[in-house]
Amino acid sequence: MERSLSMELVRVTEAAALSSARWMGRGKKDEADDAATSAMRDVFDTIPMKGTVVIGEGEMDEAPMLYIGEKLGTGYGPRVDVAVDPLEGTNIVASGSWNALAVLAVADHGNLLHAPDMYMEKIAVGPEAVGKIDINAPTIDNLRAVAQAKNKDIEDVTAVILDRPRHAKVIQEIREAGARIKLISDGDVAAAINTAFENTGVDILFGSGGAPEGVIAAVALKCLGGEIQAKLLPQNDEELQRCHEMGIEDVDKVLHMEDLVKGDDAIFAATGVTDGELLQGVRFTGTSGTTHSVVMRAKSGTVRFIDGTHSLKKKPDLVIKP
C-alpha cells in the first residue's frame, strides 16, 4: 500500500464524524448512523484505491451502502480489503456520552478476517503486556500478568469492560482481585485502542462484543504493537452456519493477531465524534467544524494525531469531488 493512503483515509473518517456529530444528544441513533454512513461512502469515491468491503453495514440486501462486497475507491491504486464502522457508538451519540468514533481499517487484499456479525470474546492489551495474556486463563492470572508487565500492583491496574449482564461473572472476578474497573456503555473499539496509550488510564480489555469490531480493533493494535486475542461466540445454528460460510470451520479456535489481520501492513484511522480519553469530539464554530483524528500504519509504526478545521461553507457536503 502507498503510504499516502493513510492521509487520504483520514478524510473519510473526518466526514463521517462531522455528519454524525450533528445528531449528538438528540436521541436518534439511526439518523446519526445514516449520516455517518452516507458521508463515509461519498468520500470513499475519491480515494485512490481498489477497495472491497469485507466488514461493513451488513449484507447487500440489508444495507444500501458500505455493504459487504461493495467496491470502494476510484478503481486505481492498491487492491485492499476495507473494514468500516461509520459510527462506533450509535447509542453514545444519541445520548451525547463518551467515546463515539468514526473508524475504518484497511489491509492488503485477503488479509482481514471476514468476521461474521455475532459476539466475540476478547482480551486486549498494549505493547508492554504482549505475549503475557491468555484468553483461556483465569481472570486473576491475566490481571497479574499485566500488573507485572507494567510494573504495577494489581490494585493499580484498570480493566475496561462493557456494562452488560453477561459480564457479571468477570466483573466480580476483577473486583475480587482488587483491580479497578471502568464500565462502558458501548464502544469497545475505542476501549481496546485505549489499552495501548498510557495517558488513557486503561490497561486491559475484557469481555464480549461484536466480532467485526474485534477485527477493526486488531488492526489498530497491530499498528500500535499491542495484542488482542478472541474467540467467536455463535449463539445458534444460523450463526454457526454463517461462520462456516465465511470459511471459519473451527469456531472454538483462539484467534490471534495473525488470524485477525495478516501480513505486515495495515492502516487504521479514527475520528472522534464525541469526546473520549484519546480523541476530542467534533466542535462546531459558526461556519466551520473541528475534528481530532488518529491514523496509524503497521508497516512503519507511525501514529499521527491530526487536528482539522473544515469550512462547512466551502464543503457543505464534506467532499470536493476531483
C-alpha atoms as a PDB file:
ATOM      1  CA  MET A   1       0.000   0.000   0.000  1.00  0.00           C
ATOM      2  CA  GLU A   2       1.154   3.514  -0.728  1.00  0.00           C
ATOM      3  CA  ARG A   3       1.919   5.466   2.430  1.00  0.00           C
ATOM      4  CA  SER A   4      -0.069   8.423   1.118  1.00  0.00           C
ATOM      5  CA  LEU A   5      -3.207   6.304   1.532  1.00  0.00           C
ATOM      6  CA  SER A   6      -3.041   6.900   5.290  1.00  0.00           C
ATOM      7  CA  MET A   7      -3.721  10.612   4.947  1.00  0.00           C
ATOM      8  CA  GLU A   8      -6.407  10.047   2.323  1.00  0.00           C
ATOM      9  CA  LEU A   9      -8.322   7.722   4.634  1.00  0.00           C
ATOM     10  CA  VAL A  10      -8.469  10.308   7.413  1.00  0.00           C
ATOM     11  CA  ARG A  11     -10.681  12.398   5.159  1.00  0.00           C
ATOM     12  CA  VAL A  12     -13.176   9.529   5.192  1.00  0.00           C
ATOM     13  CA  THR A  13     -13.468   9.319   8.972  1.00  0.00           C
ATOM     14  CA  GLU A  14     -13.488  13.113   9.313  1.00  0.00           C
ATOM     15  CA  ALA A  15     -16.520  13.368   7.028  1.00  0.00           C
ATOM     16  CA  ALA A  16     -18.370  10.609   8.889  1.00  0.00           C
ATOM     17  CA  ALA A  17     -17.647  12.233  12.245  1.00  0.00           C
ATOM     18  CA  LEU A  18     -18.730  15.705  11.134  1.00  0.00           C
ATOM     19  CA  SER A  19     -22.002  14.385   9.703  1.00  0.00           C
ATOM     20  CA  SER A  20     -22.970  12.205  12.654  1.00  0.00           C
ATOM     21  CA  ALA A  21     -21.942  14.761  15.289  1.00  0.00           C
ATOM     22  CA  ARG A  22     -24.887  16.931  14.276  1.00  0.00           C
ATOM     23  CA  TRP A  23     -27.089  14.304  15.945  1.00  0.00           C
ATOM     24  CA  MET A  24     -25.280  14.261  19.288  1.00  0.00           C
ATOM     25  CA  GLY A  25     -27.667  14.049  22.220  1.00  0.00           C
ATOM     26  CA  ARG A  26     -30.793  14.150  20.073  1.00  0.00           C
ATOM     27  CA  GLY A  27     -31.830  10.580  20.870  1.00  0.00           C
ATOM     28  CA  LYS A  28     -31.799   9.434  17.236  1.00  0.00           C
ATOM     29  CA  LYS A  29     -29.138   6.802  16.802  1.00  0.00           C
ATOM     30  CA  ASP A  30     -30.341   5.554  13.407  1.00  0.00           C
ATOM     31  CA  GLU A  31     -30.241   9.039  11.917  1.00  0.00           C
ATOM     32  CA  ALA A  32     -26.731   9.553  13.290  1.00  0.00           C
ATOM     33  CA  ASP A  33     -25.572   6.242  11.824  1.00  0.00           C
ATOM     34  CA  ASP A  34     -27.167   7.001   8.446  1.00  0.00           C
ATOM     35  CA  ALA A  35     -25.437  10.385   8.331  1.00  0.00           C
ATOM     36  CA  ALA A  36     -22.043   8.842   9.079  1.00  0.00           C
ATOM     37  CA  THR A  37     -22.520   6.043   6.560  1.00  0.00           C
ATOM     38  CA  SER A  38     -23.601   8.341   3.743  1.00  0.00           C
ATOM     39  CA  ALA A  39     -20.720  10.774   4.299  1.00  0.00           C
ATOM     40  CA  MET A  40     -18.171   7.981   4.550  1.00  0.00           C
ATOM     41  CA  ARG A  41     -19.418   6.421   1.320  1.00  0.00           C
ATOM     42  CA  ASP A  42     -19.231   9.731  -0.560  1.00  0.00           C
ATOM     43  CA  VAL A  43     -15.619  10.378   0.380  1.00  0.00           C
ATOM     44  CA  PHE A  44     -14.570   6.805  -0.364  1.00  0.00           C
ATOM     45  CA  ASP A  45     -15.436   7.559  -4.021  1.00  0.00           C
ATOM     46  CA  THR A  46     -12.461   9.951  -4.126  1.00  0.00           C
ATOM     47  CA  ILE A  47      -9.848   7.654  -2.561  1.00  0.00           C
ATOM     48  CA  PRO A  48      -7.218   6.238  -4.977  1.00  0.00           C
ATOM     49  CA  MET A  49      -7.652   2.524  -4.314  1.00  0.00           C
ATOM     50  CA  LYS A  50      -9.423  -0.608  -5.440  1.00  0.00           C
ATOM     51  CA  GLY A  51     -11.231  -1.474  -2.214  1.00  0.00           C
ATOM     52  CA  THR A  52     -13.698  -4.185  -1.250  1.00  0.00           C
ATOM     53  CA  VAL A  53     -15.782  -4.013   1.929  1.00  0.00           C
ATOM     54  CA  VAL A  54     -15.216  -7.158   3.996  1.00  0.00           C
ATOM     55  CA  ILE A  55     -16.668  -5.763   7.235  1.00  0.00           C
ATOM     56  CA  GLY A  56     -19.413  -3.214   6.853  1.00  0.00           C
ATOM     57  CA  GLU A  57     -23.021  -2.319   7.477  1.00  0.00           C
ATOM     58  CA  GLY A  58     -24.362  -5.768   6.587  1.00  0.00           C
ATOM     59  CA  GLU A  59     -25.128  -7.850   3.518  1.00  0.00           C
ATOM     60  CA  MET A  60     -26.188  -6.253   0.235  1.00  0.00           C
ATOM     61  CA  ASP A  61     -29.887  -6.865   0.964  1.00  0.00           C
ATOM     62  CA  GLU A  62     -29.525  -5.389   4.468  1.00  0.00           C
ATOM     63  CA  ALA A  63     -27.631  -2.157   3.752  1.00  0.00           C
ATOM     64  CA  PRO A  64     -27.921   0.384   0.925  1.00  0.00           C
ATOM     65  CA  MET A  65     -24.229   1.289   1.118  1.00  0.00           C
ATOM     66  CA  LEU A  66     -20.963   0.091   2.662  1.00  0.00           C
ATOM     67  CA  TYR A  67     -22.358  -3.432   2.447  1.00  0.00           C
ATOM     68  CA  ILE A  68     -20.099  -6.485   2.429  1.00  0.00           C
ATOM     69  CA  GLY A  69     -18.687  -6.957  -1.055  1.00  0.00           C
ATOM     70  CA  GLU A  70     -19.217  -3.354  -2.182  1.00  0.00           C
ATOM     71  CA  LYS A  71     -16.411  -1.859  -4.232  1.00  0.00           C
ATOM     72  CA  LEU A  72     -14.888   1.380  -2.967  1.00  0.00           C
ATOM     73  CA  GLY A  73     -12.426   3.902  -4.340  1.00  0.00           C
ATOM     74  CA  THR A  74     -11.592   5.296  -7.736  1.00  0.00           C
ATOM     75  CA  GLY A  75     -10.605   1.905  -9.158  1.00  0.00           C
ATOM     76  CA  TYR A  76      -6.983   2.939  -9.379  1.00  0.00           C
ATOM     77  CA  GLY A  77      -4.299   2.199  -6.792  1.00  0.00           C
ATOM     78  CA  PRO A  78      -3.725  -0.666  -4.367  1.00  0.00           C
ATOM     79  CA  ARG A  79      -6.163  -3.555  -4.085  1.00  0.00           C
ATOM     80  CA  VAL A  80      -7.275  -3.603  -0.465  1.00  0.00           C
ATOM     81  CA  ASP A  81      -9.834  -5.037   1.935  1.00  0.00           C
ATOM     82  CA  VAL A  82     -11.791  -2.463   3.916  1.00  0.00           C
ATOM     83  CA  ALA A  83     -13.442  -2.770   7.326  1.00  0.00           C
ATOM     84  CA  VAL A  84     -15.690   0.089   8.367  1.00  0.00           C
ATOM     85  CA  ASP A  85     -17.763   1.188  11.309  1.00  0.00           C
ATOM     86  CA  PRO A  86     -19.041   4.596  10.229  1.00  0.00           C
ATOM     87  CA  LEU A  87     -20.297   5.286  13.746  1.00  0.00           C
ATOM     88  CA  GLU A  88     -18.883   3.121  16.501  1.00  0.00           C
ATOM     89  CA  GLY A  89     -21.236   4.027  19.311  1.00  0.00           C
ATOM     90  CA  THR A  90     -24.637   4.950  17.881  1.00  0.00           C
ATOM     91  CA  ASN A  91     -26.174   4.914  21.353  1.00  0.00           C
ATOM     92  CA  ILE A  92     -23.293   7.052  22.601  1.00  0.00           C
ATOM     93  CA  VAL A  93     -24.051   9.776  20.074  1.00  0.00           C
ATOM     94  CA  ALA A  94     -27.784   9.550  20.740  1.00  0.00           C
ATOM     95  CA  SER A  95     -27.188  10.182  24.446  1.00  0.00           C
ATOM     96  CA  GLY A  96     -24.250  12.573  23.999  1.00  0.00           C
ATOM     97  CA  SER A  97     -21.866  10.493  26.100  1.00  0.00           C
ATOM     98  CA  TRP A  98     -18.200   9.471  25.637  1.00  0.00           C
ATOM     99  CA  ASN A  99     -16.025   7.703  23.083  1.00  0.00           C
ATOM    100  CA  ALA A 100     -18.066   7.601  19.875  1.00  0.00           C
ATOM    101  CA  LEU A 101     -15.787   7.221  16.856  1.00  0.00           C
ATOM    102  CA  ALA A 102     -15.902   7.040  13.085  1.00  0.00           C
ATOM    103  CA  VAL A 103     -13.458   4.235  12.270  1.00  0.00           C
ATOM    104  CA  LEU A 104     -12.053   2.241   9.383  1.00  0.00           C
ATOM    105  CA  ALA A 105      -9.282  -0.250   8.772  1.00  0.00           C
ATOM    106  CA  VAL A 106      -7.582  -1.210   5.522  1.00  0.00           C
ATOM    107  CA  ALA A 107      -5.226  -4.081   4.682  1.00  0.00           C
ATOM    108  CA  ASP A 108      -3.913  -5.722   1.539  1.00  0.00           C
ATOM    109  CA  HIS A 109      -6.457  -7.923  -0.205  1.00  0.00           C
ATOM    110  CA  GLY A 110      -7.120 -11.186   1.629  1.00  0.00           C
ATOM    111  CA  ASN A 111      -5.515 -10.105   4.901  1.00  0.00           C
ATOM    112  CA  LEU A 112      -8.548  -9.268   7.055  1.00  0.00           C
ATOM    113  CA  LEU A 113     -10.678 -11.915   8.744  1.00  0.00           C
ATOM    114  CA  HIS A 114     -14.187 -11.828   7.289  1.00  0.00           C
ATOM    115  CA  ALA A 115     -15.777 -11.771  10.725  1.00  0.00           C
ATOM    116  CA  PRO A 116     -19.468 -12.667  10.870  1.00  0.00           C
ATOM    117  CA  ASP A 117     -21.802 -10.299  12.688  1.00  0.00           C
ATOM    118  CA  MET A 118     -22.003 -12.045  16.047  1.00  0.00           C
ATOM    119  CA  TYR A 119     -20.490 -11.900  19.511  1.00  0.00           C
ATOM    120  CA  MET A 120     -16.785 -12.373  20.028  1.00  0.00           C
ATOM    121  CA  GLU A 121     -14.993 -12.822  23.348  1.00  0.00           C
ATOM    122  CA  LYS A 122     -11.953 -10.521  23.524  1.00  0.00           C
ATOM    123  CA  ILE A 123      -8.962  -9.689  25.643  1.00  0.00           C
ATOM    124  CA  ALA A 124      -6.680  -6.824  24.617  1.00  0.00           C
ATOM    125  CA  VAL A 125      -3.565  -5.118  25.959  1.00  0.00           C
ATOM    126  CA  GLY A 126      -0.973  -2.574  24.928  1.00  0.00           C
ATOM    127  CA  PRO A 127       2.646  -3.197  23.918  1.00  0.00           C
ATOM    128  CA  GLU A 128       4.061  -3.770  27.419  1.00  0.00           C
ATOM    129  CA  ALA A 129       1.894  -6.852  28.012  1.00  0.00           C
ATOM    130  CA  VAL A 130       2.183  -8.502  24.590  1.00  0.00           C
ATOM    131  CA  GLY A 131       2.747 -12.229  24.961  1.00  0.00           C
ATOM    132  CA  LYS A 132       1.689 -12.174  28.606  1.00  0.00           C
ATOM    133  CA  ILE A 133      -2.073 -12.709  28.281  1.00  0.00           C
ATOM    134  CA  ASP A 134      -4.139 -15.815  27.555  1.00  0.00           C
ATOM    135  CA  ILE A 135      -7.852 -15.610  26.787  1.00  0.00           C
ATOM    136  CA  ASN A 136      -8.316 -19.105  28.255  1.00  0.00           C
ATOM    137  CA  ALA A 137      -6.543 -18.273  31.530  1.00  0.00           C
ATOM    138  CA  PRO A 138      -8.388 -17.215  34.709  1.00  0.00           C
ATOM    139  CA  THR A 139      -9.093 -13.506  35.022  1.00  0.00           C
ATOM    140  CA  ILE A 140      -6.764 -13.173  38.017  1.00  0.00           C
ATOM    141  CA  ASP A 141      -3.856 -14.645  36.047  1.00  0.00           C
ATOM    142  CA  ASN A 142      -4.281 -12.118  33.244  1.00  0.00           C
ATOM    143  CA  LEU A 143      -4.519  -9.259  35.722  1.00  0.00           C
ATOM    144  CA  ARG A 144      -1.341 -10.425  37.461  1.00  0.00           C
ATOM    145  CA  ALA A 145       0.459 -10.739  34.126  1.00  0.00           C
ATOM    146  CA  VAL A 146      -0.480  -7.208  33.083  1.00  0.00           C
ATOM    147  CA  ALA A 147       0.439  -5.824  36.505  1.00  0.00           C
ATOM    148  CA  GLN A 148       3.874  -7.444  36.318  1.00  0.00           C
ATOM    149  CA  ALA A 149       4.430  -6.344  32.723  1.00  0.00           C
ATOM    150  CA  LYS A 150       3.578  -2.734  33.568  1.00  0.00           C
ATOM    151  CA  ASN A 151       5.371  -2.738  36.931  1.00  0.00           C
ATOM    152  CA  LYS A 152       2.158  -2.097  38.850  1.00  0.00           C
ATOM    153  CA  ASP A 153       0.289  -3.584  41.749  1.00  0.00           C
ATOM    154  CA  ILE A 154      -2.952  -5.299  40.745  1.00  0.00           C
ATOM    155  CA  GLU A 155      -4.773  -2.596  42.712  1.00  0.00           C
ATOM    156  CA  ASP A 156      -3.428  -0.046  40.218  1.00  0.00           C
ATOM    157  CA  VAL A 157      -4.461  -1.981  37.097  1.00  0.00           C
ATOM    158  CA  THR A 158      -7.570  -0.680  35.309  1.00  0.00           C
ATOM    159  CA  ALA A 159      -9.701  -3.105  33.316  1.00  0.00           C
ATOM    160  CA  VAL A 160     -12.329  -1.864  30.874  1.00  0.00           C
ATOM    161  CA  ILE A 161     -15.432  -3.889  30.069  1.00  0.00           C
ATOM    162  CA  LEU A 162     -18.866  -3.346  28.564  1.00  0.00           C
ATOM    163  CA  ASP A 163     -21.520  -2.912  31.251  1.00  0.00           C
ATOM    164  CA  ARG A 164     -23.695  -5.891  30.356  1.00  0.00           C
ATOM    165  CA  PRO A 165     -25.403  -8.609  32.442  1.00  0.00           C
ATOM    166  CA  ARG A 166     -23.389 -11.239  30.550  1.00  0.00           C
ATOM    167  CA  HIS A 167     -20.219  -9.830  32.131  1.00  0.00           C
ATOM    168  CA  ALA A 168     -21.370 -10.130  35.747  1.00  0.00           C
ATOM    169  CA  LYS A 169     -19.025 -13.040  36.493  1.00  0.00           C
ATOM    170  CA  VAL A 170     -15.848 -11.473  35.084  1.00  0.00           C
ATOM    171  CA  ILE A 171     -16.685  -8.125  36.705  1.00  0.00           C
ATOM    172  CA  GLN A 172     -16.949  -9.875  40.050  1.00  0.00           C
ATOM    173  CA  GLU A 173     -13.622 -11.668  39.421  1.00  0.00           C
ATOM    174  CA  ILE A 174     -11.893  -8.375  38.631  1.00  0.00           C
ATOM    175  CA  ARG A 175     -13.288  -6.816  41.807  1.00  0.00           C
ATOM    176  CA  GLU A 176     -12.251  -9.784  43.926  1.00  0.00           C
ATOM    177  CA  ALA A 177      -8.728  -9.474  42.502  1.00  0.00           C
ATOM    178  CA  GLY A 178      -8.638  -5.876  43.716  1.00  0.00           C
ATOM    179  CA  ALA A 179      -8.210  -4.272  40.284  1.00  0.00           C
ATOM    180  CA  ARG A 180     -10.008  -1.148  39.180  1.00  0.00           C
ATOM    181  CA  ILE A 181     -12.814  -1.274  36.607  1.00  0.00           C
ATOM    182  CA  LYS A 182     -14.050   1.172  34.009  1.00  0.00           C
ATOM    183  CA  LEU A 183     -17.524   0.110  32.873  1.00  0.00           C
ATOM    184  CA  ILE A 184     -18.536   1.420  29.464  1.00  0.00           C
ATOM    185  CA  SER A 185     -21.987   1.551  27.888  1.00  0.00           C
ATOM    186  CA  ASP A 186     -20.801   0.980  24.300  1.00  0.00           C
ATOM    187  CA  GLY A 187     -17.739   1.334  22.090  1.00  0.00           C
ATOM    188  CA  ASP A 188     -15.264  -1.469  22.705  1.00  0.00           C
ATOM    189  CA  VAL A 189     -13.114  -0.492  19.692  1.00  0.00           C
ATOM    190  CA  ALA A 190     -12.161   2.705  21.496  1.00  0.00           C
ATOM    191  CA  ALA A 191     -11.669   0.731  24.700  1.00  0.00           C
ATOM    192  CA  ALA A 192      -9.302  -1.750  23.042  1.00  0.00           C
ATOM    193  CA  ILE A 193      -7.256   1.043  21.459  1.00  0.00           C
ATOM    194  CA  ASN A 194      -7.027   2.854  24.789  1.00  0.00           C
ATOM    195  CA  THR A 195      -5.071  -0.060  26.292  1.00  0.00           C
ATOM    196  CA  ALA A 196      -2.124   0.950  24.093  1.00  0.00           C
ATOM    197  CA  PHE A 197      -1.954   4.558  25.307  1.00  0.00           C
ATOM    198  CA  GLU A 198      -0.657   5.240  28.806  1.00  0.00           C
ATOM    199  CA  ASN A 199      -2.481   8.555  29.150  1.00  0.00           C
ATOM    200  CA  THR A 200      -5.921   6.921  28.813  1.00  0.00           C
ATOM    201  CA  GLY A 201      -5.513   5.096  32.121  1.00  0.00           C
ATOM    202  CA  VAL A 202      -6.675   1.760  30.663  1.00  0.00           C
ATOM    203  CA  ASP A 203      -4.541  -1.391  30.972  1.00  0.00           C
ATOM    204  CA  ILE A 204      -6.634  -4.317  29.724  1.00  0.00           C
ATOM    205  CA  LEU A 205      -9.914  -5.028  27.953  1.00  0.00           C
ATOM    206  CA  PHE A 206     -12.101  -7.995  28.909  1.00  0.00           C
ATOM    207  CA  GLY A 207     -15.475  -9.263  27.705  1.00  0.00           C
ATOM    208  CA  SER A 208     -17.515  -9.996  24.620  1.00  0.00           C
ATOM    209  CA  GLY A 209     -18.646  -7.595  21.939  1.00  0.00           C
ATOM    210  CA  GLY A 210     -19.149  -7.529  18.193  1.00  0.00           C
ATOM    211  CA  ALA A 211     -16.849  -9.691  16.089  1.00  0.00           C
ATOM    212  CA  PRO A 212     -16.495  -7.113  13.279  1.00  0.00           C
ATOM    213  CA  GLU A 213     -15.386  -4.542  15.852  1.00  0.00           C
ATOM    214  CA  GLY A 214     -12.831  -7.057  17.106  1.00  0.00           C
ATOM    215  CA  VAL A 215     -11.162  -7.183  13.687  1.00  0.00           C
ATOM    216  CA  ILE A 216     -11.089  -3.388  13.420  1.00  0.00           C
ATOM    217  CA  ALA A 217      -9.566  -3.159  16.906  1.00  0.00           C
ATOM    218  CA  ALA A 218      -6.987  -5.782  15.912  1.00  0.00           C
ATOM    219  CA  VAL A 219      -5.792  -3.595  13.037  1.00  0.00           C
ATOM    220  CA  ALA A 220      -5.342  -0.652  15.398  1.00  0.00           C
ATOM    221  CA  LEU A 221      -3.460  -2.747  17.943  1.00  0.00           C
ATOM    222  CA  LYS A 222      -1.275  -4.230  15.200  1.00  0.00           C
ATOM    223  CA  CYS A 223      -0.268  -0.693  14.264  1.00  0.00           C
ATOM    224  CA  LEU A 224       0.381   0.138  17.923  1.00  0.00           C
ATOM    225  CA  GLY A 225       2.298  -3.030  18.788  1.00  0.00           C
ATOM    226  CA  GLY A 226      -0.427  -4.269  21.128  1.00  0.00           C
ATOM    227  CA  GLU A 227      -2.280  -7.574  21.238  1.00  0.00           C
ATOM    228  CA  ILE A 228      -5.808  -8.888  21.056  1.00  0.00           C
ATOM    229  CA  GLN A 229      -6.958 -12.481  21.396  1.00  0.00           C
ATOM    230  CA  ALA A 230     -10.510 -13.526  20.538  1.00  0.00           C
ATOM    231  CA  LYS A 231     -12.982 -16.382  20.250  1.00  0.00           C
ATOM    232  CA  LEU A 232     -16.172 -16.365  18.215  1.00  0.00           C
ATOM    233  CA  LEU A 233     -19.366 -16.978  20.188  1.00  0.00           C
ATOM    234  CA  PRO A 234     -22.114 -18.202  17.820  1.00  0.00           C
ATOM    235  CA  GLN A 235     -25.452 -18.170  19.645  1.00  0.00           C
ATOM    236  CA  ASN A 236     -27.409 -20.548  17.403  1.00  0.00           C
ATOM    237  CA  ASP A 237     -27.209 -22.878  14.408  1.00  0.00           C
ATOM    238  CA  GLU A 238     -27.763 -19.999  11.992  1.00  0.00           C
ATOM    239  CA  GLU A 239     -24.732 -18.125  13.316  1.00  0.00           C
ATOM    240  CA  LEU A 240     -22.701 -21.325  13.305  1.00  0.00           C
ATOM    241  CA  GLN A 241     -23.588 -21.882   9.664  1.00  0.00           C
ATOM    242  CA  ARG A 242     -22.636 -18.274   8.954  1.00  0.00           C
ATOM    243  CA  CYS A 243     -19.152 -18.963  10.331  1.00  0.00           C
ATOM    244  CA  HIS A 244     -18.755 -21.968   8.048  1.00  0.00           C
ATOM    245  CA  GLU A 245     -19.947 -19.972   5.014  1.00  0.00           C
ATOM    246  CA  MET A 246     -17.246 -17.403   5.728  1.00  0.00           C
ATOM    247  CA  GLY A 247     -14.567 -20.096   5.859  1.00  0.00           C
ATOM    248  CA  ILE A 248     -14.312 -20.424   9.650  1.00  0.00           C
ATOM    249  CA  GLU A 249     -14.539 -24.146  10.409  1.00  0.00           C
ATOM    250  CA  ASP A 250     -13.214 -24.278  13.975  1.00  0.00           C
ATOM    251  CA  VAL A 251     -15.320 -21.732  15.884  1.00  0.00           C
ATOM    252  CA  ASP A 252     -13.657 -22.714  19.172  1.00  0.00           C
ATOM    253  CA  LYS A 253     -10.222 -21.684  17.924  1.00  0.00           C
ATOM    254  CA  VAL A 254      -8.454 -18.859  19.722  1.00  0.00           C
ATOM    255  CA  LEU A 255      -7.912 -16.122  17.163  1.00  0.00           C
ATOM    256  CA  HIS A 256      -4.580 -14.341  17.470  1.00  0.00           C
ATOM    257  CA  MET A 257      -3.364 -11.202  15.739  1.00  0.00           C
ATOM    258  CA  GLU A 258      -2.255 -13.043  12.595  1.00  0.00           C
ATOM    259  CA  ASP A 259      -5.673 -14.710  12.339  1.00  0.00           C
ATOM    260  CA  LEU A 260      -7.480 -11.374  12.559  1.00  0.00           C
ATOM    261  CA  VAL A 261      -5.162  -9.328  10.353  1.00  0.00           C
ATOM    262  CA  LYS A 262      -2.420 -10.998   8.321  1.00  0.00           C
ATOM    263  CA  GLY A 263       0.756  -9.560   6.889  1.00  0.00           C
ATOM    264  CA  ASP A 264       2.994  -6.727   8.000  1.00  0.00           C
ATOM    265  CA  ASP A 265       0.960  -3.795   6.698  1.00  0.00           C
ATOM    266  CA  ALA A 266      -2.401  -2.300   7.585  1.00  0.00           C
ATOM    267  CA  ILE A 267      -3.836   1.155   8.172  1.00  0.00           C
ATOM    268  CA  PHE A 268      -6.268   2.295  10.856  1.00  0.00           C
ATOM    269  CA  ALA A 269      -7.985   5.670  11.003  1.00  0.00           C
ATOM    270  CA  ALA A 270     -10.459   7.109  13.503  1.00  0.00           C
ATOM    271  CA  THR A 271     -12.022  10.489  14.168  1.00  0.00           C
ATOM    272  CA  GLY A 272     -13.690  11.399  17.423  1.00  0.00           C
ATOM    273  CA  VAL A 273     -17.414  12.124  17.230  1.00  0.00           C
ATOM    274  CA  THR A 274     -17.879  12.753  20.947  1.00  0.00           C
ATOM    275  CA  ASP A 275     -15.142  13.403  23.491  1.00  0.00           C
ATOM    276  CA  GLY A 276     -13.114  10.455  24.745  1.00  0.00           C
ATOM    277  CA  GLU A 277      -9.916   9.625  26.582  1.00  0.00           C
ATOM    278  CA  LEU A 278      -7.924   9.551  23.348  1.00  0.00           C
ATOM    279  CA  LEU A 279      -9.731  11.798  20.870  1.00  0.00           C
ATOM    280  CA  GLN A 280     -11.708  15.007  21.227  1.00  0.00           C
ATOM    281  CA  GLY A 281     -15.151  15.099  19.670  1.00  0.00           C
ATOM    282  CA  VAL A 282     -16.362  17.338  16.868  1.00  0.00           C
ATOM    283  CA  ARG A 283     -16.815  21.032  17.634  1.00  0.00           C
ATOM    284  CA  PHE A 284     -18.952  23.360  15.516  1.00  0.00           C
ATOM    285  CA  THR A 285     -17.976  27.010  15.400  1.00  0.00           C
ATOM    286  CA  GLY A 286     -20.092  29.116  13.108  1.00  0.00           C
ATOM    287  CA  THR A 287     -19.374  28.053   9.547  1.00  0.00           C
ATOM    288  CA  SER A 288     -16.667  25.534  10.415  1.00  0.00           C
ATOM    289  CA  GLY A 289     -16.213  22.276  12.248  1.00  0.00           C
ATOM    290  CA  THR A 290     -13.137  20.965  14.021  1.00  0.00           C
ATOM    291  CA  THR A 291     -12.077  17.324  14.220  1.00  0.00           C
ATOM    292  CA  HIS A 292      -9.472  15.315  16.095  1.00  0.00           C
ATOM    293  CA  SER A 293      -8.257  12.125  14.426  1.00  0.00           C
ATOM    294  CA  VAL A 294      -5.653   9.412  14.698  1.00  0.00           C
ATOM    295  CA  VAL A 295      -4.178   7.477  11.776  1.00  0.00           C
ATOM    296  CA  MET A 296      -1.606   4.707  12.049  1.00  0.00           C
ATOM    297  CA  ARG A 297       0.223   2.285   9.811  1.00  0.00           C
ATOM    298  CA  ALA A 298       1.505  -1.115  10.899  1.00  0.00           C
ATOM    299  CA  LYS A 299       4.430  -1.316   8.468  1.00  0.00           C
ATOM    300  CA  SER A 300       6.071   1.890   9.675  1.00  0.00           C
ATOM    301  CA  GLY A 301       4.679   2.023  13.200  1.00  0.00           C
ATOM    302  CA  THR A 302       3.837   5.681  12.631  1.00  0.00           C
ATOM    303  CA  VAL A 303       0.989   7.147  14.685  1.00  0.00           C
ATOM    304  CA  ARG A 304      -0.297  10.580  13.734  1.00  0.00           C
ATOM    305  CA  PHE A 305      -2.811  12.735  15.581  1.00  0.00           C
ATOM    306  CA  ILE A 306      -4.462  15.234  13.262  1.00  0.00           C
ATOM    307  CA  ASP A 307      -6.446  18.356  14.102  1.00  0.00           C
ATOM    308  CA  GLY A 308      -8.679  19.509  11.279  1.00  0.00           C
ATOM    309  CA  THR A 309     -10.694  22.652  10.691  1.00  0.00           C
ATOM    310  CA  HIS A 310     -13.304  22.231   7.977  1.00  0.00           C
ATOM    311  CA  SER A 311     -15.133  25.021   6.161  1.00  0.00           C
ATOM    312  CA  LEU A 312     -18.735  23.894   6.037  1.00  0.00           C
ATOM    313  CA  LYS A 313     -19.459  26.781   3.685  1.00  0.00           C
ATOM    314  CA  LYS A 314     -16.918  25.648   1.080  1.00  0.00           C
ATOM    315  CA  LYS A 315     -17.618  21.947   1.604  1.00  0.00           C
ATOM    316  CA  PRO A 316     -21.312  21.727   2.541  1.00  0.00           C
ATOM    317  CA  ASP A 317     -21.331  18.047   1.560  1.00  0.00           C
ATOM    318  CA  LEU A 318     -17.947  17.434   3.229  1.00  0.00           C
ATOM    319  CA  VAL A 319     -16.317  16.366  -0.010  1.00  0.00           C
ATOM    320  CA  ILE A 320     -14.940  18.067  -3.108  1.00  0.00           C
ATOM    321  CA  LYS A 321     -15.077  15.617  -5.978  1.00  0.00           C
ATOM    322  CA  PRO A 322     -11.971  15.652  -8.230  1.00  0.00           C
END
